[in-house]
Amino acid sequence: MSFLWMCLIGLLAGFLAKLIMPGKDPGGMIVTMLLGIAGSFIGGFLGRSLGFYQEGQGAGLIMSVVGAILLLAVYRLVRRGTA
């Protein structure tokens, strides 16, 4: 159940990351939402590493948005470098 919860939070985090970092993204909103899901997992990992979350606890919305913003920034750098 926590996997499903992290995916739902990740979708919301991807949407919020897109609002925070506006601009033309290659791939559109679907890719941004998928990056949000991945950002949720990264945010959970970072949160556990920094001691914000206990083992097995999912990322909160703020850490998910932070992870999604980090991934979106890296994605933009990679896509611009290859284009």
N, C-alpha and C. Protein backbone atom coordinates (compact mmCIF):
# COMPACT_ATOMS: atom_id res chain seq x y z
N MET A 1 0.82 -1.20 0.00
CA MET A 1 0.00 0.00 0.00
C MET A 1 0.86 1.26 0.00
N SER A 2 2.03 1.21 0.66
CA SER A 2 2.87 2.41 0.68
C SER A 2 3.44 2.70 -0.70
N PHE A 3 3.67 1.66 -1.53
CA PHE A 3 4.14 1.87 -2.90
C PHE A 3 3.11 2.65 -3.70
N LEU A 4 1.85 2.28 -3.57
CA LEU A 4 0.76 2.99 -4.27
C LEU A 4 0.66 4.43 -3.76
N TRP A 5 0.81 4.61 -2.46
CA TRP A 5 0.74 5.95 -1.88
C TRP A 5 1.87 6.82 -2.41
N MET A 6 3.09 6.26 -2.49
CA MET A 6 4.22 7.02 -3.02
C MET A 6 4.00 7.38 -4.48
N CYS A 7 3.37 6.51 -5.24
CA CYS A 7 3.08 6.82 -6.65
C CYS A 7 2.07 7.96 -6.75
N LEU A 8 1.05 7.94 -5.94
CA LEU A 8 0.05 9.01 -5.97
C LEU A 8 0.66 10.34 -5.53
N ILE A 9 1.44 10.31 -4.48
CA ILE A 9 2.13 11.52 -4.03
C ILE A 9 3.10 11.99 -5.11
N GLY A 10 3.75 11.05 -5.78
CA GLY A 10 4.68 11.39 -6.85
C GLY A 10 4.00 12.09 -8.02
N LEU A 11 2.80 11.65 -8.37
CA LEU A 11 2.05 12.33 -9.44
C LEU A 11 1.78 13.78 -9.06
N LEU A 12 1.36 13.99 -7.84
CA LEU A 12 1.11 15.34 -7.36
C LEU A 12 2.41 16.13 -7.29
N ALA A 13 3.48 15.50 -6.86
CA ALA A 13 4.78 16.17 -6.78
C ALA A 13 5.27 16.58 -8.16
N GLY A 14 5.07 15.74 -9.16
CA GLY A 14 5.46 16.08 -10.52
C GLY A 14 4.68 17.27 -11.04
N PHE A 15 3.41 17.33 -10.73
CA PHE A 15 2.59 18.46 -11.13
C PHE A 15 3.07 19.74 -10.45
N LEU A 16 3.34 19.66 -9.15
CA LEU A 16 3.82 20.84 -8.41
C LEU A 16 5.21 21.27 -8.88
N ALA A 17 6.07 20.30 -9.19
CA ALA A 17 7.40 20.64 -9.70
C ALA A 17 7.29 21.37 -11.03
N LYS A 18 6.35 20.97 -11.86
CA LYS A 18 6.13 21.64 -13.14
C LYS A 18 5.64 23.07 -12.91
N LEU A 19 4.82 23.28 -11.90
CA LEU A 19 4.36 24.63 -11.58
C LEU A 19 5.49 25.50 -11.04
N ILE A 20 6.37 24.90 -10.23
CA ILE A 20 7.48 25.64 -9.65
C ILE A 20 8.54 25.95 -10.69
N MET A 21 8.79 25.01 -11.59
CA MET A 21 9.80 25.18 -12.63
C MET A 21 9.13 25.25 -14.00
N PRO A 22 8.49 26.38 -14.31
CA PRO A 22 7.81 26.45 -15.60
C PRO A 22 8.82 26.48 -16.74
N GLY A 23 8.34 26.19 -17.89
CA GLY A 23 9.20 26.19 -19.07
C GLY A 23 8.81 25.05 -19.98
N LYS A 24 9.40 25.07 -21.14
CA LYS A 24 9.10 24.03 -22.12
C LYS A 24 9.95 22.81 -21.82
N ASP A 25 9.30 21.73 -21.49
CA ASP A 25 10.00 20.48 -21.22
C ASP A 25 9.79 19.53 -22.38
N PRO A 26 10.87 18.91 -22.82
CA PRO A 26 10.68 17.86 -23.81
C PRO A 26 9.97 16.68 -23.16
N GLY A 27 8.92 16.21 -23.76
CA GLY A 27 8.19 15.09 -23.19
C GLY A 27 6.84 15.47 -22.61
N GLY A 28 6.65 16.70 -22.26
CA GLY A 28 5.36 17.16 -21.78
C GLY A 28 5.03 16.77 -20.36
N MET A 29 3.75 16.84 -20.04
CA MET A 29 3.27 16.65 -18.67
C MET A 29 3.38 15.19 -18.21
N ILE A 30 3.24 14.24 -19.13
CA ILE A 30 3.33 12.83 -18.74
C ILE A 30 4.73 12.51 -18.22
N VAL A 31 5.75 12.96 -18.93
CA VAL A 31 7.12 12.72 -18.48
C VAL A 31 7.37 13.43 -17.16
N THR A 32 6.82 14.63 -17.00
CA THR A 32 6.99 15.37 -15.76
C THR A 32 6.36 14.61 -14.60
N MET A 33 5.20 14.01 -14.81
CA MET A 33 4.55 13.23 -13.75
C MET A 33 5.34 11.96 -13.44
N LEU A 34 5.90 11.33 -14.46
CA LEU A 34 6.74 10.16 -14.20
C LEU A 34 8.00 10.55 -13.44
N LEU A 35 8.55 11.70 -13.76
CA LEU A 35 9.69 12.21 -12.99
C LEU A 35 9.27 12.50 -11.55
N GLY A 36 8.03 12.93 -11.37
CA GLY A 36 7.52 13.16 -10.01
C GLY A 36 7.44 11.88 -9.20
N ILE A 37 7.03 10.79 -9.85
CA ILE A 37 6.99 9.50 -9.16
C ILE A 37 8.40 9.07 -8.77
N ALA A 38 9.34 9.20 -9.72
CA ALA A 38 10.73 8.87 -9.41
C ALA A 38 11.27 9.82 -8.34
N GLY A 39 10.89 11.08 -8.39
CA GLY A 39 11.30 12.05 -7.38
C GLY A 39 10.77 11.71 -6.01
N SER A 40 9.60 11.11 -5.96
CA SER A 40 9.05 10.67 -4.69
C SER A 40 9.91 9.58 -4.06
N PHE A 41 10.38 8.66 -4.89
CA PHE A 41 11.27 7.62 -4.38
C PHE A 41 12.61 8.20 -3.96
N ILE A 42 13.14 9.14 -4.74
CA ILE A 42 14.40 9.78 -4.38
C ILE A 42 14.23 10.62 -3.12
N GLY A 43 13.10 11.33 -3.02
CA GLY A 43 12.82 12.12 -1.81
C GLY A 43 12.73 11.23 -0.58
N GLY A 44 12.13 10.05 -0.73
CA GLY A 44 12.07 9.11 0.39
C GLY A 44 13.44 8.61 0.79
N PHE A 45 14.28 8.33 -0.21
CA PHE A 45 15.64 7.88 0.07
C PHE A 45 16.44 8.99 0.76
N LEU A 46 16.34 10.22 0.23
CA LEU A 46 17.06 11.34 0.85
C LEU A 46 16.55 11.60 2.27
N GLY A 47 15.25 11.54 2.44
CA GLY A 47 14.68 11.76 3.77
C GLY A 47 15.13 10.74 4.78
N ARG A 48 15.21 9.47 4.36
CA ARG A 48 15.70 8.43 5.27
C ARG A 48 17.20 8.61 5.54
N SER A 49 17.94 9.03 4.52
CA SER A 49 19.39 9.24 4.70
C SER A 49 19.67 10.40 5.64
N LEU A 50 18.83 11.43 5.59
CA LEU A 50 19.02 12.60 6.45
C LEU A 50 18.35 12.46 7.81
N GLY A 51 17.62 11.36 8.01
CA GLY A 51 16.99 11.11 9.29
C GLY A 51 15.61 11.72 9.45
N PHE A 52 15.01 12.20 8.35
CA PHE A 52 13.67 12.77 8.43
C PHE A 52 12.60 11.68 8.52
N TYR A 53 12.87 10.54 7.90
CA TYR A 53 11.92 9.43 7.87
C TYR A 53 12.59 8.18 8.43
N GLN A 54 11.77 7.30 8.99
CA GLN A 54 12.28 6.03 9.48
C GLN A 54 12.28 5.03 8.33
N GLU A 55 12.97 3.92 8.54
CA GLU A 55 13.04 2.88 7.52
C GLU A 55 11.64 2.36 7.21
N GLY A 56 11.32 2.27 5.93
CA GLY A 56 10.02 1.79 5.50
C GLY A 56 8.97 2.89 5.39
N GLN A 57 9.28 4.07 5.83
CA GLN A 57 8.34 5.19 5.77
C GLN A 57 8.51 5.90 4.43
N GLY A 58 7.40 6.22 3.79
CA GLY A 58 7.44 6.89 2.50
C GLY A 58 7.74 8.37 2.62
N ALA A 59 8.06 8.96 1.49
CA ALA A 59 8.38 10.39 1.46
C ALA A 59 7.11 11.21 1.63
N GLY A 60 7.25 12.34 2.26
CA GLY A 60 6.16 13.29 2.36
C GLY A 60 6.08 14.12 1.09
N LEU A 61 5.10 14.96 1.02
CA LEU A 61 4.89 15.76 -0.18
C LEU A 61 6.05 16.71 -0.44
N ILE A 62 6.57 17.34 0.60
CA ILE A 62 7.64 18.32 0.40
C ILE A 62 8.89 17.65 -0.14
N MET A 63 9.30 16.54 0.46
CA MET A 63 10.49 15.85 -0.03
C MET A 63 10.25 15.26 -1.42
N SER A 64 9.03 14.87 -1.72
CA SER A 64 8.72 14.37 -3.06
C SER A 64 8.85 15.48 -4.09
N VAL A 65 8.39 16.68 -3.75
CA VAL A 65 8.52 17.82 -4.67
C VAL A 65 9.99 18.17 -4.84
N VAL A 66 10.76 18.15 -3.76
CA VAL A 66 12.20 18.43 -3.86
C VAL A 66 12.88 17.42 -4.78
N GLY A 67 12.58 16.15 -4.60
CA GLY A 67 13.14 15.11 -5.46
C GLY A 67 12.72 15.28 -6.91
N ALA A 68 11.46 15.65 -7.14
CA ALA A 68 10.97 15.86 -8.50
C ALA A 68 11.64 17.06 -9.14
N ILE A 69 11.86 18.13 -8.39
CA ILE A 69 12.53 19.31 -8.93
C ILE A 69 13.98 18.96 -9.29
N LEU A 70 14.65 18.20 -8.44
CA LEU A 70 16.01 17.79 -8.75
C LEU A 70 16.06 16.95 -10.03
N LEU A 71 15.16 15.99 -10.15
CA LEU A 71 15.14 15.17 -11.35
C LEU A 71 14.75 15.97 -12.59
N LEU A 72 13.82 16.90 -12.45
CA LEU A 72 13.42 17.72 -13.58
C LEU A 72 14.57 18.60 -14.05
N ALA A 73 15.34 19.14 -13.12
CA ALA A 73 16.50 19.95 -13.49
C ALA A 73 17.55 19.11 -14.21
N VAL A 74 17.82 17.91 -13.69
CA VAL A 74 18.78 17.03 -14.35
C VAL A 74 18.27 16.61 -15.73
N TYR A 75 16.99 16.30 -15.83
CA TYR A 75 16.38 15.91 -17.09
C TYR A 75 16.51 17.02 -18.13
N ARG A 76 16.28 18.25 -17.71
CA ARG A 76 16.41 19.38 -18.63
C ARG A 76 17.85 19.55 -19.10
N LEU A 77 18.81 19.38 -18.20
CA LEU A 77 20.22 19.49 -18.58
C LEU A 77 20.61 18.40 -19.57
N VAL A 78 20.16 17.19 -19.32
CA VAL A 78 20.50 16.08 -20.21
C VAL A 78 19.85 16.25 -21.58
N ARG A 79 18.59 16.62 -21.59
CA ARG A 79 17.88 16.77 -22.86
C ARG A 79 18.43 17.94 -23.69
N ARG A 80 18.84 19.02 -23.04
CA ARG A 80 19.41 20.15 -23.77
C ARG A 80 20.79 19.80 -24.30
N GLY A 81 21.51 18.98 -23.57
CA GLY A 81 22.84 18.59 -24.00
C GLY A 81 22.83 17.69 -25.23
N THR A 82 21.78 16.90 -25.39
CA THR A 82 21.69 16.00 -26.54
C THR A 82 20.98 16.62 -27.73
N ALA A 83 20.26 17.71 -27.49
CA ALA A 83 19.49 18.32 -28.59
C ALA A 83 20.32 19.27 -29.42
